[in-house]
Amino acid sequence: MARYTTLGGPDPVDIHVGKRLRALRQGRKVSQTSLGQANGISFQQIQKYEIGTNRISASMLYGFARTLGVPLTAFFEGLPDTAAPEGSSTPAGADADSGDLTSDQTALPRR
């Protein structure tokens, strides 16, 4: 489950999410200024998110999804699943049938 990073540069996941933000924003004909104003940030910050210089927090990503009218998963489409255990097509802890997280009661000791 190693996460790949680039030394001295943005993480490839941050770059991917930023590119998806730009594509979704442009596809809906929303300017960086409008998206920033709707979420309480500057257009310069949107630019940094779109090129992957700055990471997008979960709450900000949620705000972008609501503003653009897309599901959160839209930002991750096309991203290789690096969190899945080897030989699995489903991320660890996810139910393959529903995509929901399942509880693994053996993982935590009972009190």
Protein backbone atom coordinates (compact mmCIF):
# COMPACT_ATOMS: atom_id res chain seq x y z
CA MET A 1 0.00 0.00 0.00
CA ALA A 2 2.83 2.37 -0.75
CA ARG A 3 1.82 5.85 -1.79
CA TYR A 4 3.80 7.28 -4.64
CA THR A 5 5.04 10.86 -4.42
CA THR A 6 7.34 13.06 -6.38
CA LEU A 7 10.28 14.46 -4.45
CA GLY A 8 10.05 18.21 -4.35
CA GLY A 9 6.79 18.36 -6.26
CA PRO A 10 3.06 17.98 -5.86
CA ASP A 11 1.61 14.54 -5.20
CA PRO A 12 0.19 12.93 -8.38
CA VAL A 13 -3.21 12.56 -6.69
CA ASP A 14 -3.33 16.30 -5.97
CA ILE A 15 -2.46 17.01 -9.60
CA HIS A 16 -5.19 14.65 -10.82
CA VAL A 17 -7.86 16.15 -8.54
CA GLY A 18 -6.81 19.64 -9.64
CA LYS A 19 -7.09 18.72 -13.31
CA ARG A 20 -10.54 17.23 -12.68
CA LEU A 21 -11.55 20.45 -10.87
CA ARG A 22 -10.50 22.48 -13.89
CA ALA A 23 -12.26 20.18 -16.38
CA LEU A 24 -15.48 20.12 -14.35
CA ARG A 25 -15.41 23.88 -13.84
CA GLN A 26 -14.76 24.64 -17.50
CA GLY A 27 -17.32 22.09 -18.64
CA ARG A 28 -19.95 24.00 -16.68
CA LYS A 29 -18.65 27.36 -17.92
CA VAL A 30 -17.83 28.58 -14.41
CA SER A 31 -14.96 31.03 -14.04
CA GLN A 32 -12.24 30.68 -11.43
CA THR A 33 -13.49 33.94 -9.93
CA SER A 34 -17.09 32.70 -9.65
CA LEU A 35 -16.06 29.35 -8.16
CA GLY A 36 -13.78 31.12 -5.69
CA GLN A 37 -16.44 33.62 -4.64
CA ALA A 38 -19.01 30.86 -4.14
CA ASN A 39 -16.56 29.11 -1.80
CA GLY A 40 -15.04 32.11 -0.03
CA ILE A 41 -11.59 32.00 -1.65
CA SER A 42 -9.69 33.90 -4.35
CA PHE A 43 -9.34 32.92 -7.99
CA GLN A 44 -5.60 32.65 -7.33
CA GLN A 45 -6.31 29.88 -4.83
CA ILE A 46 -8.44 28.08 -7.44
CA GLN A 47 -5.46 28.30 -9.83
CA LYS A 48 -3.18 26.72 -7.21
CA TYR A 49 -5.68 23.91 -6.64
CA GLU A 50 -6.05 23.29 -10.38
CA ILE A 51 -2.31 22.86 -10.96
CA GLY A 52 -1.85 20.79 -7.79
CA THR A 53 0.39 23.28 -6.01
CA ASN A 54 -1.96 23.35 -3.01
CA ARG A 55 -3.96 20.41 -1.71
CA ILE A 56 -7.72 20.74 -1.55
CA SER A 57 -9.19 20.03 1.88
CA ALA A 58 -12.16 17.68 2.18
CA SER A 59 -14.49 20.53 3.17
CA MET A 60 -13.37 22.66 0.21
CA LEU A 61 -13.72 19.72 -2.19
CA TYR A 62 -17.25 19.18 -0.84
CA GLY A 63 -18.02 22.86 -1.47
CA PHE A 64 -16.72 22.63 -5.04
CA ALA A 65 -18.83 19.53 -5.67
CA ARG A 66 -21.96 21.32 -4.43
CA THR A 67 -21.19 24.49 -6.40
CA LEU A 68 -20.53 22.55 -9.61
CA GLY A 69 -23.41 20.10 -9.04
CA VAL A 70 -21.26 16.97 -9.22
CA PRO A 71 -20.69 14.03 -6.86
CA LEU A 72 -17.44 14.00 -4.89
CA THR A 73 -16.35 10.95 -6.86
CA ALA A 74 -16.20 13.08 -10.03
CA PHE A 75 -12.88 14.52 -8.84
CA PHE A 76 -11.32 11.06 -8.64
CA GLU A 77 -12.57 9.58 -11.92
CA GLY A 78 -9.74 8.13 -13.94
CA LEU A 79 -7.42 7.88 -10.95
CA PRO A 80 -5.79 4.47 -10.57
CA ASP A 81 -6.86 2.76 -7.36
CA THR A 82 -3.63 2.71 -5.38
CA ALA A 83 -5.34 1.97 -2.06
CA ALA A 84 -6.54 -1.53 -3.00
CA PRO A 85 -4.58 -4.48 -1.64
CA GLU A 86 -2.63 -6.45 -4.24
CA GLY A 87 -4.89 -8.77 -6.23
CA SER A 88 -8.02 -6.83 -5.21
CA SER A 89 -10.10 -4.48 -7.30
CA THR A 90 -11.80 -3.03 -4.21
CA PRO A 91 -10.20 -0.59 -1.74
CA ALA A 92 -9.43 -2.00 1.68
CA GLY A 93 -12.51 -1.94 3.91
CA ALA A 94 -14.98 -1.49 1.06
CA ASP A 95 -17.80 -3.85 0.21
CA ALA A 96 -17.37 -4.94 -3.42
CA ASP A 97 -21.13 -5.19 -3.96
CA SER A 98 -22.22 -1.84 -2.57
CA GLY A 99 -19.06 0.26 -2.48
CA ASP A 100 -19.84 1.01 1.18
CA LEU A 101 -17.29 0.73 3.93
CA THR A 102 -17.80 -2.29 6.11
CA SER A 103 -16.83 -2.67 9.72
CA ASP A 104 -13.98 -4.99 10.46
CA GLN A 105 -14.65 -5.92 14.06
CA THR A 106 -11.43 -7.88 14.30
CA ALA A 107 -9.31 -4.80 13.62
CA LEU A 108 -9.97 -3.02 16.94
CA PRO A 109 -9.81 -4.57 20.39
CA ARG A 110 -12.99 -4.44 22.45
CA ARG A 111 -12.98 -2.38 25.63
